[in-house]
Amino acid sequence: MAIMLDPQFTTFTEQNLPRTAAFPRLRYMGSKYKMIPYLSSVLSNIRFETALDAFSESGVVAYSLKEMGKQVTANDFLHFSSTIAKAIVENPGVTLSQEDMELLLSPNKDGRNFIQTTFQNLYFPLEDHQFLDSVWSHIEDLPLYKREIALSALCLAAARKQPRGVFTITDLRYDDGRKNMHLPLRELFVKAVEEYNNAVFDNGKINSVMCEDIFSIDPSGFDLVYFDPPYAPPKDDADYIKRYHFLEGLSRYWRDVKIMENTKTKKIEKRYTPFAYKRTIREALSKLFRKFENSIIVLSYSSNSVPGEKEIYDLLREVKGDVEVYSVPHTYSFGTHETAKRRQVNEYIFVAR
């Protein structure tokens, strides 16, 4: 059923989407960075001007759509994902200046110590936690897009220093020797700001970002909708809060979230999504497709998840007359250490019109 895409598309990004090729990479579960050459080749054969990236996650797909000249709306129910999208998708061209950096790197202006107190002996050394508190003491003095770049850079720096980029562990048992894991967060932050500054551009369209449950969004006005929901694996889970709770909290200084004090990782309460569980995913996908049935639907999904290719095809056929399926061989690597588990799967791209 599926059309196998040619591996030659791996060069597509560098040739046609150079900004996306240099996208500030966040080690994010399910990130579509490596899939962009294939996605962009498929999307380039579809006529559309407005697009919704409904589960923007790392932001790379929404960003590539922006580089393609589309009017983009990005959405994610996680605050830190929406923050990244605001910084480089919605942002029409604002960057952090040298003066802004001098402010952000200056001493703690109000003596706040929430991070260093709450996460003492977890994740990072004391001086790194002190640095995070200090930067946050200045962030709110910045206008919107400058603030979002600074917050995105803080999250990127923290993810790059944390083993495997996830916050389910609190020690260095997975130290794989990467230089970033032994650099001060201050240094990683400065580099991340440079990367985000370089990523900012104006594509001449009014792009926007939301932080909503997908089912609360008005479906009208989008020529094309792109869905990359959490995959429902046969085993384990797709709990993004469990893995990235520190980044979610950091992006909002833990305001309006509840820390589960009885947990070793000091994670925050997760937000339920029906897409993450095999018992609810089918109904959720069906509801999603019907909600956006007036738009072209493009869906990414993995062969290592439920439901399978045939069932998703049938669900799409219930609302669309023409459904194409493309397949891309993909290797998932869980970690970068020598004993990391690597799993061969197929990534599917469904196009329904």
Protein backbone atom coordinates (compact mmCIF):
# COMPACT_ATOMS: atom_id res chain seq x y z
CA MET A 1 0.00 0.00 0.00
CA ALA A 2 2.70 2.49 0.98
CA ILE A 3 4.97 4.21 -1.55
CA MET A 4 8.62 3.94 -0.49
CA LEU A 5 10.34 7.32 -0.70
CA ASP A 6 13.77 7.48 -2.32
CA PRO A 7 16.71 7.97 0.11
CA GLN A 8 18.04 10.70 -2.23
CA PHE A 9 15.64 13.05 -0.48
CA THR A 10 18.08 13.23 2.42
CA THR A 11 19.86 16.04 0.55
CA PHE A 12 16.66 17.97 -0.05
CA THR A 13 16.84 20.08 3.12
CA GLU A 14 20.36 21.40 2.57
CA GLN A 15 19.58 22.35 -1.04
CA ASN A 16 16.09 23.78 -0.65
CA LEU A 17 15.58 24.57 3.03
CA PRO A 18 18.97 25.73 4.32
CA ARG A 19 17.49 27.49 7.35
CA THR A 20 15.75 24.29 8.43
CA ALA A 21 18.95 22.33 7.91
CA ALA A 22 20.56 24.60 10.52
CA PHE A 23 17.58 24.44 12.91
CA PRO A 24 18.63 24.48 16.61
CA ARG A 25 18.22 20.80 17.40
CA LEU A 26 16.57 19.72 20.61
CA ARG A 27 16.88 16.03 21.50
CA TYR A 28 13.16 15.44 21.49
CA MET A 29 11.24 12.18 21.46
CA GLY A 30 9.68 11.86 18.03
CA SER A 31 11.35 14.95 16.55
CA LYS A 32 10.86 15.10 12.80
CA TYR A 33 14.20 16.78 12.01
CA LYS A 34 15.46 13.75 10.05
CA MET A 35 12.11 13.42 8.31
CA ILE A 36 12.04 16.99 6.97
CA PRO A 37 13.62 16.10 3.59
CA TYR A 38 10.88 13.55 2.99
CA LEU A 39 8.06 15.67 4.40
CA SER A 40 9.10 18.71 2.40
CA SER A 41 9.33 16.68 -0.80
CA VAL A 42 5.79 15.41 -0.26
CA LEU A 43 4.45 18.83 0.75
CA SER A 44 6.07 20.52 -2.26
CA ASN A 45 3.65 18.60 -4.48
CA ILE A 46 0.57 19.89 -2.63
CA ARG A 47 -1.00 23.27 -3.34
CA PHE A 48 -1.68 25.17 -0.10
CA GLU A 49 -0.96 28.56 1.45
CA THR A 50 -2.09 28.25 5.08
CA ALA A 51 -1.05 25.43 7.39
CA LEU A 52 -1.62 24.26 10.94
CA ASP A 53 1.08 22.21 12.67
CA ALA A 54 -1.21 20.81 15.34
CA PHE A 55 1.41 19.07 17.52
CA SER A 56 4.47 21.24 16.95
CA GLU A 57 6.77 19.58 19.54
CA SER A 58 10.35 20.63 18.67
CA GLY A 59 8.99 23.17 16.16
CA VAL A 60 11.02 21.94 13.19
CA VAL A 61 8.07 21.11 10.91
CA ALA A 62 6.33 24.44 11.54
CA TYR A 63 9.65 26.16 10.93
CA SER A 64 10.18 24.32 7.64
CA LEU A 65 6.66 25.32 6.54
CA LYS A 66 7.56 28.92 7.34
CA GLU A 67 10.71 28.60 5.22
CA MET A 68 8.56 27.21 2.41
CA GLY A 69 6.72 30.56 2.44
CA LYS A 70 3.49 29.35 4.03
CA GLN A 71 1.37 31.17 6.58
CA VAL A 72 1.84 28.93 9.60
CA THR A 73 -0.06 28.36 12.81
CA ALA A 74 1.80 26.16 15.28
CA ASN A 75 0.17 24.57 18.30
CA ASP A 76 1.25 22.35 21.14
CA PHE A 77 -0.29 21.73 24.54
CA LEU A 78 3.15 21.92 26.18
CA HIS A 79 4.23 25.42 27.14
CA PHE A 80 7.92 24.96 26.31
CA SER A 81 7.12 23.68 22.82
CA SER A 82 4.90 26.69 22.19
CA THR A 83 7.65 28.95 23.55
CA ILE A 84 10.11 27.61 20.96
CA ALA A 85 7.57 28.10 18.18
CA LYS A 86 6.91 31.68 19.26
CA ALA A 87 10.64 32.38 19.25
CA ILE A 88 11.29 31.30 15.65
CA VAL A 89 7.96 30.65 13.89
CA GLU A 90 5.71 33.49 15.03
CA ASN A 91 8.62 35.89 15.60
CA PRO A 92 8.88 38.15 12.52
CA GLY A 93 12.55 39.05 12.98
CA VAL A 94 13.35 40.10 16.57
CA THR A 95 16.67 38.91 18.02
CA LEU A 96 18.54 39.30 21.30
CA SER A 97 21.13 42.08 21.18
CA GLN A 98 24.46 42.30 22.96
CA GLU A 99 22.83 44.64 25.48
CA ASP A 100 20.09 42.09 26.10
CA MET A 101 22.69 39.41 26.73
CA GLU A 102 24.57 41.63 29.16
CA LEU A 103 21.33 42.04 31.08
CA LEU A 104 20.53 38.32 31.09
CA LEU A 105 24.06 37.39 32.18
CA SER A 106 24.24 40.00 34.94
CA PRO A 107 23.89 39.03 38.64
CA ASN A 108 20.58 37.89 40.08
CA LYS A 109 18.58 41.09 40.55
CA ASP A 110 16.08 39.91 43.17
CA GLY A 111 17.82 37.02 44.94
CA ARG A 112 15.35 34.38 43.76
CA ASN A 113 16.44 30.81 44.46
CA PHE A 114 13.49 28.58 43.56
CA ILE A 115 15.42 26.37 41.12
CA GLN A 116 18.54 25.95 43.23
CA THR A 117 16.40 25.11 46.29
CA THR A 118 13.83 22.86 44.63
CA PHE A 119 16.28 20.86 42.52
CA GLN A 120 19.23 20.76 44.89
CA ASN A 121 21.51 17.83 44.01
CA LEU A 122 19.33 16.98 41.00
CA TYR A 123 20.25 17.32 37.32
CA PHE A 124 22.88 20.09 37.45
CA PRO A 125 25.55 21.48 39.79
CA LEU A 126 24.60 24.31 42.15
CA GLU A 127 26.20 26.98 39.97
CA ASP A 128 24.03 25.92 37.02
CA HIS A 129 20.86 26.10 39.09
CA GLN A 130 21.95 29.51 40.36
CA PHE A 131 22.47 30.61 36.78
CA LEU A 132 18.96 29.55 35.79
CA ASP A 133 17.46 31.50 38.71
CA SER A 134 19.57 34.52 37.79
CA VAL A 135 18.55 34.57 34.13
CA TRP A 136 14.91 34.22 35.08
CA SER A 137 15.25 37.27 37.35
CA HIS A 138 15.83 39.34 34.18
CA ILE A 139 13.76 37.58 31.52
CA GLU A 140 10.50 39.31 32.30
CA ASP A 141 12.14 42.68 31.66
CA LEU A 142 12.35 41.75 27.97
CA PRO A 143 9.64 42.26 25.31
CA LEU A 144 7.76 39.22 24.00
CA TYR A 145 9.95 37.73 21.28
CA LYS A 146 13.23 38.49 23.02
CA ARG A 147 11.83 36.75 26.08
CA GLU A 148 10.80 33.71 24.05
CA ILE A 149 14.26 33.42 22.48
CA ALA A 150 15.88 33.58 25.92
CA LEU A 151 13.53 30.93 27.32
CA SER A 152 14.02 28.68 24.30
CA ALA A 153 17.78 28.98 24.69
CA LEU A 154 17.55 28.10 28.39
CA CYS A 155 15.55 24.98 27.53
CA LEU A 156 17.93 23.99 24.76
CA ALA A 157 20.95 24.46 27.00
CA ALA A 158 19.39 22.39 29.79
CA ALA A 159 18.40 19.59 27.39
CA ARG A 160 21.86 19.47 25.86
CA LYS A 161 23.54 19.09 29.23
CA GLN A 162 21.11 16.45 30.53
CA PRO A 163 21.97 12.80 29.66
CA ARG A 164 19.85 11.70 26.68
CA GLY A 165 18.04 15.03 26.88
CA VAL A 166 15.31 13.65 29.17
CA PHE A 167 14.63 14.31 32.84
CA THR A 168 13.63 10.83 33.97
CA ILE A 169 17.08 10.36 35.51
CA THR A 170 18.90 12.54 38.03
CA ASP A 171 22.48 11.33 37.76
CA LEU A 172 25.20 10.81 35.17
CA ARG A 173 24.75 7.07 34.64
CA TYR A 174 24.32 7.74 30.90
CA ASP A 175 27.25 10.11 30.55
CA ASP A 176 28.35 9.35 26.99
CA GLY A 177 31.32 11.69 27.03
CA ARG A 178 29.66 14.50 25.09
CA LYS A 179 31.36 17.83 25.72
CA ASN A 180 28.05 19.57 26.41
CA MET A 181 27.47 17.49 29.52
CA HIS A 182 30.52 19.02 31.17
CA LEU A 183 30.15 22.65 30.12
CA PRO A 184 28.54 25.29 32.36
CA LEU A 185 24.92 26.05 31.48
CA ARG A 186 25.93 29.67 31.09
CA GLU A 187 28.22 28.75 28.17
CA LEU A 188 25.62 26.46 26.60
CA PHE A 189 23.00 29.21 26.93
CA VAL A 190 25.15 31.76 25.10
CA LYS A 191 25.66 29.32 22.25
CA ALA A 192 21.94 28.47 22.12
CA VAL A 193 21.01 32.15 21.93
CA GLU A 194 23.34 32.53 18.95
CA GLU A 195 21.67 29.58 17.23
CA TYR A 196 18.17 30.92 17.82
CA ASN A 197 19.17 34.43 16.75
CA ASN A 198 20.51 32.96 13.51
CA ALA A 199 17.27 31.01 13.01
CA VAL A 200 14.99 34.06 13.22
CA PHE A 201 13.65 35.40 9.92
CA ASP A 202 10.57 37.04 8.42
CA ASN A 203 8.82 35.11 5.63
CA GLY A 204 6.44 37.98 4.91
CA LYS A 205 3.44 36.19 6.44
CA ILE A 206 1.63 36.65 9.73
CA ASN A 207 2.41 33.43 11.56
CA SER A 208 0.99 32.53 14.94
CA VAL A 209 1.38 30.10 17.83
CA MET A 210 -1.13 28.59 20.24
CA CYS A 211 -0.81 26.45 23.36
CA GLU A 212 -4.11 24.59 23.33
CA ASP A 213 -5.72 21.19 23.32
CA ILE A 214 -6.10 20.40 19.63
CA PHE A 215 -9.83 19.72 20.02
CA SER A 216 -10.43 23.29 21.24
CA ILE A 217 -9.01 24.89 18.07
CA ASP A 218 -11.29 26.34 15.40
CA PRO A 219 -10.67 24.10 12.35
CA SER A 220 -11.54 26.73 9.75
CA GLY A 221 -9.03 28.68 7.69
CA PHE A 222 -6.36 26.02 7.15
CA ASP A 223 -5.69 24.72 3.65
CA LEU A 224 -3.55 21.96 5.16
CA VAL A 225 -3.21 20.48 8.64
CA TYR A 226 -0.18 18.47 9.71
CA PHE A 227 -0.58 15.98 12.52
CA ASP A 228 2.28 14.38 14.43
CA PRO A 229 0.47 13.28 17.61
CA PRO A 230 2.15 11.30 20.37
CA TYR A 231 2.52 7.76 19.13
CA ALA A 232 0.77 5.09 21.16
CA PRO A 233 3.43 2.36 21.51
CA PRO A 234 2.44 -1.28 22.10
CA LYS A 235 4.52 -1.14 25.29
CA ASP A 236 5.76 1.68 27.55
CA ASP A 237 4.10 5.08 27.07
CA ALA A 238 4.37 8.39 25.23
CA ASP A 239 4.38 10.61 28.30
CA TYR A 240 6.14 13.82 27.30
CA ILE A 241 5.66 15.47 30.69
CA LYS A 242 7.52 12.61 32.40
CA ARG A 243 10.46 13.07 30.06
CA TYR A 244 10.54 16.85 29.71
CA HIS A 245 8.94 18.13 32.92
CA PHE A 246 12.02 20.20 33.79
CA LEU A 247 11.87 22.05 30.46
CA GLU A 248 8.12 22.58 30.83
CA GLY A 249 8.64 24.03 34.29
CA LEU A 250 11.68 26.07 33.28
CA SER A 251 9.78 27.74 30.42
CA ARG A 252 7.28 29.17 32.91
CA TYR A 253 9.36 29.20 36.14
CA TRP A 254 7.04 26.47 37.44
CA ARG A 255 4.08 28.86 37.64
CA ASP A 256 0.65 27.25 37.32
CA VAL A 257 2.05 23.71 37.50
CA LYS A 258 2.12 21.31 40.43
CA ILE A 259 5.39 19.61 41.35
CA MET A 260 4.94 16.05 42.59
CA GLU A 261 7.13 16.37 45.67
CA ASN A 262 7.02 12.63 46.40
CA THR A 263 8.87 11.79 43.17
CA LYS A 264 12.64 11.53 42.96
CA THR A 265 12.74 13.62 39.79
CA LYS A 266 10.40 16.36 41.14
CA LYS A 267 8.32 16.01 37.99
CA ILE A 268 5.12 17.93 37.44
CA GLU A 269 1.67 16.46 37.07
CA LYS A 270 1.11 15.20 33.56
CA ARG A 271 -1.64 16.41 31.29
CA TYR A 272 -3.82 13.71 29.82
CA THR A 273 -3.93 13.23 26.06
CA PRO A 274 -5.92 10.41 24.44
CA PHE A 275 -3.28 10.09 21.71
CA ALA A 276 -0.72 8.56 24.08
CA TYR A 277 -2.61 5.39 24.97
CA LYS A 278 -3.50 2.41 22.79
CA ARG A 279 -6.95 2.11 24.40
CA THR A 280 -7.96 5.66 23.35
CA ILE A 281 -5.85 6.46 20.26
CA ARG A 282 -8.25 5.11 17.63
CA GLU A 283 -11.21 7.15 18.79
CA ALA A 284 -8.98 10.22 19.19
CA LEU A 285 -7.64 9.94 15.63
CA SER A 286 -11.12 9.44 14.21
CA LYS A 287 -12.38 12.51 16.09
CA LEU A 288 -9.36 14.51 14.91
CA PHE A 289 -9.82 13.60 11.25
CA ARG A 290 -13.49 14.51 11.35
CA LYS A 291 -12.81 17.84 13.02
CA PHE A 292 -10.42 18.88 10.24
CA GLU A 293 -12.11 17.10 7.34
CA ASN A 294 -12.34 20.34 5.32
CA SER A 295 -8.54 20.65 5.15
CA ILE A 296 -5.91 18.53 3.42
CA ILE A 297 -4.68 16.19 6.14
CA VAL A 298 -1.03 15.14 6.38
CA LEU A 299 -0.23 12.70 9.17
CA SER A 300 3.08 11.30 10.38
CA TYR A 301 2.98 7.97 12.18
CA SER A 302 5.32 5.12 13.07
CA SER A 303 5.00 1.43 12.27
CA ASN A 304 6.06 0.81 15.87
CA SER A 305 2.76 2.20 17.16
CA VAL A 306 -0.93 1.41 17.25
CA PRO A 307 -3.10 1.55 15.27
CA GLY A 308 -1.32 0.16 12.22
CA GLU A 309 -1.03 1.51 8.70
CA LYS A 310 -4.17 -0.19 7.36
CA GLU A 311 -6.36 0.99 10.22
CA ILE A 312 -5.19 4.59 9.95
CA TYR A 313 -5.78 4.43 6.20
CA ASP A 314 -9.34 3.23 6.82
CA LEU A 315 -9.96 5.98 9.39
CA LEU A 316 -8.84 8.61 6.91
CA ARG A 317 -10.95 7.08 4.14
CA GLU A 318 -14.01 7.64 6.30
CA VAL A 319 -13.61 11.40 5.80
CA LYS A 320 -11.46 11.72 2.66
CA GLY A 321 -11.84 10.26 -0.81
CA ASP A 322 -8.14 10.19 -1.73
CA VAL A 323 -5.53 8.83 0.67
CA GLU A 324 -1.88 8.23 -0.22
CA VAL A 325 0.67 6.59 2.05
CA TYR A 326 4.44 7.11 1.86
CA SER A 327 6.96 5.05 3.79
CA VAL A 328 10.43 5.99 5.02
CA PRO A 329 12.81 3.50 6.73
CA HIS A 330 13.93 5.01 10.00
CA THR A 331 16.15 4.03 12.91
CA TYR A 332 15.21 5.11 16.40
CA SER A 333 18.16 5.36 18.77
CA PHE A 334 17.32 5.42 22.45
CA GLY A 335 20.39 7.16 23.79
CA THR A 336 23.85 7.68 22.33
CA HIS A 337 25.81 5.35 24.59
CA GLU A 338 27.37 2.18 23.17
CA THR A 339 24.62 -0.09 24.48
CA ALA A 340 21.81 2.14 23.21
CA LYS A 341 18.87 0.26 21.75
CA ARG A 342 18.28 0.94 18.09
CA ARG A 343 15.05 -0.03 16.43
CA GLN A 344 14.31 -0.20 12.73
CA VAL A 345 10.83 1.06 11.88
CA ASN A 346 8.96 2.65 9.02
CA GLU A 347 7.79 6.22 9.32
CA TYR A 348 4.56 6.72 7.43
CA ILE A 349 3.36 9.95 5.84
CA PHE A 350 -0.37 9.87 5.08
CA VAL A 351 -1.78 12.48 2.69
CA ALA A 352 -5.59 12.68 2.62
CA ARG A 353 -7.51 15.03 0.30
